Structures are given as C-alpha cells and as structure tokens.
Amino acid sequence: AVFARHNYGLDWCLPHNQLWLCFAGHTGYGSYNGWAKGSIILEITQHPFSTKSWIRMEDGHVHSKVVLTP
C-alpha cells in the first residue's frame, strides 16, 4: 500500500494493479481550512497475515475502514 496526506478535505483508498493507493485529508493545526483532523492507522498482523487501515478522527470516531489483504 502507498499512503499520502496533504491539506485537502478528502479521504480515499483504491486498488490499482495489485497495490492499494490511499490518500487522506488534513492532520495538523496550521491549516487554512476548518476541516476535521484525523490520522491514518495501519494495523499489520503476522499470524494470520492481514493488513487493515482506517482513519481515527481527533474526536475519536473512526471512518474509512479498509482491509488491504485478503
């Protein structure tokens, strides 16, 4: 998977050529907008192998859960 973040108010993940591409919105406080702040969480489990991702917002709620491996 490839993850990127920047000062935009959108979040998404999509599979492309057997690779997950993910983009998530703003995390910092030095912005020029009023968008909610959140952070990408990436959970990797070895046995059995799995990779999951989601965004946890500053207020604690979770959205955009994605299972990145079968």
PDB file of N, CA and C in Angstrom:
ATOM      1  N   ALA A   1       0.846  -1.183   0.000  1.00  0.00           N
ATOM      2  CA  ALA A   1       0.000   0.000   0.000  1.00  0.00           C
ATOM      3  C   ALA A   1       0.886   1.239   0.000  1.00  0.00           C
ATOM      4  N   VAL A   2       0.364   2.297  -0.573  1.00  0.00           N
ATOM      5  CA  VAL A   2       1.025   3.595  -0.574  1.00  0.00           C
ATOM      6  C   VAL A   2       0.048   4.592   0.028  1.00  0.00           C
ATOM      7  N   PHE A   3       0.513   5.367   1.034  1.00  0.00           N
ATOM      8  CA  PHE A   3      -0.339   6.343   1.701  1.00  0.00           C
ATOM      9  C   PHE A   3       0.232   7.737   1.510  1.00  0.00           C
ATOM     10  N   ALA A   4      -0.651   8.725   1.348  1.00  0.00           N
ATOM     11  CA  ALA A   4      -0.238  10.121   1.247  1.00  0.00           C
ATOM     12  C   ALA A   4      -1.243  10.976   2.010  1.00  0.00           C
ATOM     13  N   ARG A   5      -0.763  12.085   2.573  1.00  0.00           N
ATOM     14  CA  ARG A   5      -1.636  13.033   3.267  1.00  0.00           C
ATOM     15  C   ARG A   5      -1.253  14.435   2.823  1.00  0.00           C
ATOM     16  N   HIS A   6      -2.246  15.321   2.824  1.00  0.00           N
ATOM     17  CA  HIS A   6      -1.986  16.719   2.490  1.00  0.00           C
ATOM     18  C   HIS A   6      -3.159  17.557   2.979  1.00  0.00           C
ATOM     19  N   ASN A   7      -3.125  18.848   2.727  1.00  0.00           N
ATOM     20  CA  ASN A   7      -4.147  19.773   3.210  1.00  0.00           C
ATOM     21  C   ASN A   7      -5.386  19.791   2.328  1.00  0.00           C
ATOM     22  N   TYR A   8      -6.021  18.667   2.158  1.00  0.00           N
ATOM     23  CA  TYR A   8      -7.258  18.587   1.392  1.00  0.00           C
ATOM     24  C   TYR A   8      -8.307  17.880   2.225  1.00  0.00           C
ATOM     25  N   GLY A   9      -9.575  18.178   1.992  1.00  0.00           N
ATOM     26  CA  GLY A   9     -10.656  17.619   2.786  1.00  0.00           C
ATOM     27  C   GLY A   9     -11.255  16.362   2.200  1.00  0.00           C
ATOM     28  N   LEU A  10     -10.435  15.445   1.722  1.00  0.00           N
ATOM     29  CA  LEU A  10     -10.974  14.205   1.182  1.00  0.00           C
ATOM     30  C   LEU A  10     -10.112  13.024   1.624  1.00  0.00           C
ATOM     31  N   ASP A  11     -10.744  11.853   1.690  1.00  0.00           N
ATOM     32  CA  ASP A  11     -10.071  10.621   2.082  1.00  0.00           C
ATOM     33  C   ASP A  11     -10.518   9.517   1.136  1.00  0.00           C
ATOM     34  N   TRP A  12      -9.582   8.691   0.669  1.00  0.00           N
ATOM     35  CA  TRP A  12      -9.975   7.582  -0.190  1.00  0.00           C
ATOM     36  C   TRP A  12      -8.877   6.533  -0.251  1.00  0.00           C
ATOM     37  N   CYS A  13      -9.257   5.309  -0.594  1.00  0.00           N
ATOM     38  CA  CYS A  13      -8.348   4.209  -0.913  1.00  0.00           C
ATOM     39  C   CYS A  13      -8.914   3.491  -2.127  1.00  0.00           C
ATOM     40  N   LEU A  14      -8.030   3.053  -3.019  1.00  0.00           N
ATOM     41  CA  LEU A  14      -8.488   2.272  -4.165  1.00  0.00           C
ATOM     42  C   LEU A  14      -7.392   1.304  -4.587  1.00  0.00           C
ATOM     43  N   PRO A  15      -7.808   0.112  -5.043  1.00  0.00           N
ATOM     44  CA  PRO A  15      -6.812  -0.843  -5.535  1.00  0.00           C
ATOM     45  C   PRO A  15      -6.434  -0.498  -6.974  1.00  0.00           C
ATOM     46  N   HIS A  16      -5.133  -0.597  -7.272  1.00  0.00           N
ATOM     47  CA  HIS A  16      -4.656  -0.319  -8.630  1.00  0.00           C
ATOM     48  C   HIS A  16      -3.470  -1.231  -8.926  1.00  0.00           C
ATOM     49  N   ASN A  17      -3.615  -2.124  -9.891  1.00  0.00           N
ATOM     50  CA  ASN A  17      -2.532  -3.041 -10.273  1.00  0.00           C
ATOM     51  C   ASN A  17      -1.947  -3.786  -9.069  1.00  0.00           C
ATOM     52  N   GLN A  18      -2.787  -4.367  -8.252  1.00  0.00           N
ATOM     53  CA  GLN A  18      -2.420  -5.160  -7.076  1.00  0.00           C
ATOM     54  C   GLN A  18      -1.720  -4.336  -5.992  1.00  0.00           C
ATOM     55  N   LEU A  19      -1.956  -3.026  -5.968  1.00  0.00           N
ATOM     56  CA  LEU A  19      -1.403  -2.138  -4.957  1.00  0.00           C
ATOM     57  C   LEU A  19      -2.520  -1.218  -4.487  1.00  0.00           C
ATOM     58  N   TRP A  20      -2.626  -1.017  -3.175  1.00  0.00           N
ATOM     59  CA  TRP A  20      -3.610  -0.074  -2.651  1.00  0.00           C
ATOM     60  C   TRP A  20      -2.994   1.315  -2.632  1.00  0.00           C
ATOM     61  N   LEU A  21      -3.698   2.285  -3.183  1.00  0.00           N
ATOM     62  CA  LEU A  21      -3.317   3.687  -3.133  1.00  0.00           C
ATOM     63  C   LEU A  21      -4.296   4.393  -2.203  1.00  0.00           C
ATOM     64  N   CYS A  22      -3.773   5.083  -1.204  1.00  0.00           N
ATOM     65  CA  CYS A  22      -4.638   5.733  -0.208  1.00  0.00           C
ATOM     66  C   CYS A  22      -4.228   7.193  -0.044  1.00  0.00           C
ATOM     67  N   PHE A  23      -5.226   8.059   0.068  1.00  0.00           N
ATOM     68  CA  PHE A  23      -4.998   9.480   0.284  1.00  0.00           C
ATOM     69  C   PHE A  23      -5.920   9.927   1.402  1.00  0.00           C
ATOM     70  N   ALA A  24      -5.396  10.681   2.322  1.00  0.00           N
ATOM     71  CA  ALA A  24      -6.224  11.126   3.440  1.00  0.00           C
ATOM     72  C   ALA A  24      -5.996  12.608   3.684  1.00  0.00           C
ATOM     73  N   GLY A  25      -6.992  13.245   4.251  1.00  0.00           N
ATOM     74  CA  GLY A  25      -7.006  14.689   4.446  1.00  0.00           C
ATOM     75  C   GLY A  25      -6.038  15.208   5.491  1.00  0.00           C
ATOM     76  N   HIS A  26      -6.387  16.249   6.149  1.00  0.00           N
ATOM     77  CA  HIS A  26      -5.512  17.076   6.969  1.00  0.00           C
ATOM     78  C   HIS A  26      -5.366  16.572   8.404  1.00  0.00           C
ATOM     79  N   THR A  27      -4.137  16.637   8.953  1.00  0.00           N
ATOM     80  CA  THR A  27      -3.913  16.247  10.346  1.00  0.00           C
ATOM     81  C   THR A  27      -3.476  17.411  11.226  1.00  0.00           C
ATOM     82  N   GLY A  28      -2.754  18.370  10.705  1.00  0.00           N
ATOM     83  CA  GLY A  28      -2.139  19.409  11.522  1.00  0.00           C
ATOM     84  C   GLY A  28      -3.060  20.568  11.866  1.00  0.00           C
ATOM     85  N   TYR A  29      -2.533  21.496  12.676  1.00  0.00           N
ATOM     86  CA  TYR A  29      -3.303  22.656  13.119  1.00  0.00           C
ATOM     87  C   TYR A  29      -2.944  23.932  12.366  1.00  0.00           C
ATOM     88  N   GLY A  30      -1.942  23.907  11.497  1.00  0.00           N
ATOM     89  CA  GLY A  30      -1.522  25.107  10.791  1.00  0.00           C
ATOM     90  C   GLY A  30      -2.202  25.265   9.447  1.00  0.00           C
ATOM     91  N   SER A  31      -3.444  24.897   9.357  1.00  0.00           N
ATOM     92  CA  SER A  31      -4.097  24.880   8.047  1.00  0.00           C
ATOM     93  C   SER A  31      -4.829  26.181   7.761  1.00  0.00           C
ATOM     94  N   TYR A  32      -5.291  26.246   6.544  1.00  0.00           N
ATOM     95  CA  TYR A  32      -6.057  27.397   6.081  1.00  0.00           C
ATOM     96  C   TYR A  32      -7.521  27.033   5.919  1.00  0.00           C
ATOM     97  N   ASN A  33      -7.955  25.974   6.586  1.00  0.00           N
ATOM     98  CA  ASN A  33      -9.331  25.499   6.435  1.00  0.00           C
ATOM     99  C   ASN A  33      -9.883  25.042   7.777  1.00  0.00           C
ATOM    100  N   GLY A  34     -11.153  24.675   7.805  1.00  0.00           N
ATOM    101  CA  GLY A  34     -11.782  24.211   9.030  1.00  0.00           C
ATOM    102  C   GLY A  34     -12.084  22.720   9.029  1.00  0.00           C
ATOM    103  N   TRP A  35     -11.409  21.947   8.168  1.00  0.00           N
ATOM    104  CA  TRP A  35     -11.680  20.513   8.080  1.00  0.00           C
ATOM    105  C   TRP A  35     -11.291  19.791   9.359  1.00  0.00           C
ATOM    106  N   ALA A  36     -12.036  18.750   9.659  1.00  0.00           N
ATOM    107  CA  ALA A  36     -11.737  17.925  10.835  1.00  0.00           C
ATOM    108  C   ALA A  36     -10.384  17.242  10.655  1.00  0.00           C
ATOM    109  N   LYS A  37      -9.684  17.065  11.770  1.00  0.00           N
ATOM    110  CA  LYS A  37      -8.364  16.451  11.724  1.00  0.00           C
ATOM    111  C   LYS A  37      -8.441  14.980  12.111  1.00  0.00           C
ATOM    112  N   GLY A  38      -7.652  14.153  11.429  1.00  0.00           N
ATOM    113  CA  GLY A  38      -7.615  12.730  11.711  1.00  0.00           C
ATOM    114  C   GLY A  38      -6.284  12.156  11.282  1.00  0.00           C
ATOM    115  N   SER A  39      -6.070  10.896  11.616  1.00  0.00           N
ATOM    116  CA  SER A  39      -4.810  10.250  11.298  1.00  0.00           C
ATOM    117  C   SER A  39      -5.055   8.853  10.753  1.00  0.00           C
ATOM    118  N   ILE A  40      -4.268   8.445   9.766  1.00  0.00           N
ATOM    119  CA  ILE A  40      -4.357   7.089   9.229  1.00  0.00           C
ATOM    120  C   ILE A  40      -3.733   6.119  10.226  1.00  0.00           C
ATOM    121  N   ILE A  41      -4.446   5.053  10.515  1.00  0.00           N
ATOM    122  CA  ILE A  41      -3.925   3.966  11.335  1.00  0.00           C
ATOM    123  C   ILE A  41      -3.716   2.777  10.406  1.00  0.00           C
ATOM    124  N   LEU A  42      -2.569   2.145  10.497  1.00  0.00           N
ATOM    125  CA  LEU A  42      -2.266   0.956   9.709  1.00  0.00           C
ATOM    126  C   LEU A  42      -1.957  -0.171  10.683  1.00  0.00           C
ATOM    127  N   GLU A  43      -2.761  -1.234  10.642  1.00  0.00           N
ATOM    128  CA  GLU A  43      -2.587  -2.384  11.535  1.00  0.00           C
ATOM    129  C   GLU A  43      -2.113  -3.581  10.720  1.00  0.00           C
ATOM    130  N   ILE A  44      -0.941  -4.112  11.071  1.00  0.00           N
ATOM    131  CA  ILE A  44      -0.389  -5.279  10.391  1.00  0.00           C
ATOM    132  C   ILE A  44      -0.309  -6.419  11.400  1.00  0.00           C
ATOM    133  N   THR A  45      -0.908  -7.551  11.055  1.00  0.00           N
ATOM    134  CA  THR A  45      -0.896  -8.741  11.903  1.00  0.00           C
ATOM    135  C   THR A  45      -0.102  -9.819  11.177  1.00  0.00           C
ATOM    136  N   GLN A  46       0.816 -10.496  11.904  1.00  0.00           N
ATOM    137  CA  GLN A  46       1.648 -11.515  11.266  1.00  0.00           C
ATOM    138  C   GLN A  46       0.956 -12.862  11.125  1.00  0.00           C
ATOM    139  N   HIS A  47       0.268 -13.326  12.179  1.00  0.00           N
ATOM    140  CA  HIS A  47      -0.316 -14.679  12.176  1.00  0.00           C
ATOM    141  C   HIS A  47      -1.775 -14.628  12.578  1.00  0.00           C
ATOM    142  N   PRO A  48      -2.716 -14.802  11.679  1.00  0.00           N
ATOM    143  CA  PRO A  48      -2.539 -14.894  10.229  1.00  0.00           C
ATOM    144  C   PRO A  48      -2.264 -13.506   9.664  1.00  0.00           C
ATOM    145  N   PHE A  49      -1.550 -13.452   8.555  1.00  0.00           N
ATOM    146  CA  PHE A  49      -1.166 -12.171   7.980  1.00  0.00           C
ATOM    147  C   PHE A  49      -2.390 -11.391   7.513  1.00  0.00           C
ATOM    148  N   SER A  50      -2.469 -10.140   7.931  1.00  0.00           N
ATOM    149  CA  SER A  50      -3.517  -9.239   7.451  1.00  0.00           C
ATOM    150  C   SER A  50      -3.034  -7.800   7.587  1.00  0.00           C
ATOM    151  N   THR A  51      -3.580  -6.950   6.767  1.00  0.00           N
ATOM    152  CA  THR A  51      -3.273  -5.524   6.814  1.00  0.00           C
ATOM    153  C   THR A  51      -4.589  -4.767   6.729  1.00  0.00           C
ATOM    154  N   LYS A  52      -4.821  -3.894   7.712  1.00  0.00           N
ATOM    155  CA  LYS A  52      -6.047  -3.098   7.758  1.00  0.00           C
ATOM    156  C   LYS A  52      -5.675  -1.636   7.937  1.00  0.00           C
ATOM    157  N   SER A  53      -6.530  -0.760   7.463  1.00  0.00           N
ATOM    158  CA  SER A  53      -6.299   0.669   7.597  1.00  0.00           C
ATOM    159  C   SER A  53      -7.619   1.364   7.908  1.00  0.00           C
ATOM    160  N   TRP A  54      -7.540   2.445   8.662  1.00  0.00           N
ATOM    161  CA  TRP A  54      -8.710   3.272   8.927  1.00  0.00           C
ATOM    162  C   TRP A  54      -8.235   4.654   9.343  1.00  0.00           C
ATOM    163  N   ILE A  55      -9.164   5.575   9.431  1.00  0.00           N
ATOM    164  CA  ILE A  55      -8.848   6.932   9.869  1.00  0.00           C
ATOM    165  C   ILE A  55      -9.543   7.179  11.199  1.00  0.00           C
ATOM    166  N   ARG A  56      -8.753   7.545  12.207  1.00  0.00           N
ATOM    167  CA  ARG A  56      -9.308   7.916  13.510  1.00  0.00           C
ATOM    168  C   ARG A  56      -9.263   9.433  13.598  1.00  0.00           C
ATOM    169  N   MET A  57     -10.433  10.005  13.798  1.00  0.00           N
ATOM    170  CA  MET A  57     -10.555  11.454  13.857  1.00  0.00           C
ATOM    171  C   MET A  57     -10.172  11.970  15.243  1.00  0.00           C
ATOM    172  N   GLU A  58      -9.862  13.250  15.314  1.00  0.00           N
ATOM    173  CA  GLU A  58      -9.462  13.877  16.570  1.00  0.00           C
ATOM    174  C   GLU A  58     -10.521  13.680  17.657  1.00  0.00           C
ATOM    175  N   ASP A  59     -11.793  13.656  17.285  1.00  0.00           N
ATOM    176  CA  ASP A  59     -12.860  13.475  18.274  1.00  0.00           C
ATOM    177  C   ASP A  59     -13.078  12.006  18.645  1.00  0.00           C
ATOM    178  N   GLY A  60     -12.288  11.079  18.050  1.00  0.00           N
ATOM    179  CA  GLY A  60     -12.351   9.667  18.425  1.00  0.00           C
ATOM    180  C   GLY A  60     -13.125   8.773  17.478  1.00  0.00           C
ATOM    181  N   HIS A  61     -13.964   9.330  16.605  1.00  0.00           N
ATOM    182  CA  HIS A  61     -14.712   8.430  15.722  1.00  0.00           C
ATOM    183  C   HIS A  61     -13.814   7.917  14.592  1.00  0.00           C
ATOM    184  N   VAL A  62     -14.218   6.777  14.046  1.00  0.00           N
ATOM    185  CA  VAL A  62     -13.434   6.069  13.035  1.00  0.00           C
ATOM    186  C   VAL A  62     -14.210   6.029  11.730  1.00  0.00           C
ATOM    187  N   HIS A  63     -13.513   6.201  10.613  1.00  0.00           N
ATOM    188  CA  HIS A  63     -14.162   6.012   9.308  1.00  0.00           C
ATOM    189  C   HIS A  63     -13.154   5.487   8.297  1.00  0.00           C
ATOM    190  N   SER A  64     -13.644   5.119   7.135  1.00  0.00           N
ATOM    191  CA  SER A  64     -12.840   4.637   6.006  1.00  0.00           C
ATOM    192  C   SER A  64     -12.051   3.376   6.324  1.00  0.00           C
ATOM    193  N   LYS A  65     -12.681   2.425   7.029  1.00  0.00           N
ATOM    194  CA  LYS A  65     -12.006   1.151   7.299  1.00  0.00           C
ATOM    195  C   LYS A  65     -11.844   0.367   6.006  1.00  0.00           C
ATOM    196  N   VAL A  66     -10.625  -0.143   5.771  1.00  0.00           N
ATOM    197  CA  VAL A  66     -10.315  -0.914   4.573  1.00  0.00           C
ATOM    198  C   VAL A  66      -9.443  -2.098   4.977  1.00  0.00           C
ATOM    199  N   VAL A  67      -9.775  -3.296   4.487  1.00  0.00           N
ATOM    200  CA  VAL A  67      -8.910  -4.461   4.640  1.00  0.00           C
ATOM    201  C   VAL A  67      -8.061  -4.512   3.380  1.00  0.00           C
ATOM    202  N   LEU A  68      -6.738  -4.371   3.535  1.00  0.00           N
ATOM    203  CA  LEU A  68      -5.846  -4.257   2.389  1.00  0.00           C
ATOM    204  C   LEU A  68      -5.324  -5.599   1.893  1.00  0.00           C
ATOM    205  N   THR A  69      -5.545  -6.666   2.656  1.00  0.00           N
ATOM    206  CA  THR A  69      -5.128  -8.013   2.249  1.00  0.00           C
ATOM    207  C   THR A  69      -6.327  -8.939   2.326  1.00  0.00           C
ATOM    208  N   PRO A  70      -6.307 -10.024   1.538  1.00  0.00           N
ATOM    209  CA  PRO A  70      -7.445 -10.961   1.582  1.00  0.00           C
ATOM    210  C   PRO A  70      -7.523 -11.709   2.901  1.00  0.00           C
TER     211      PRO A  70
END
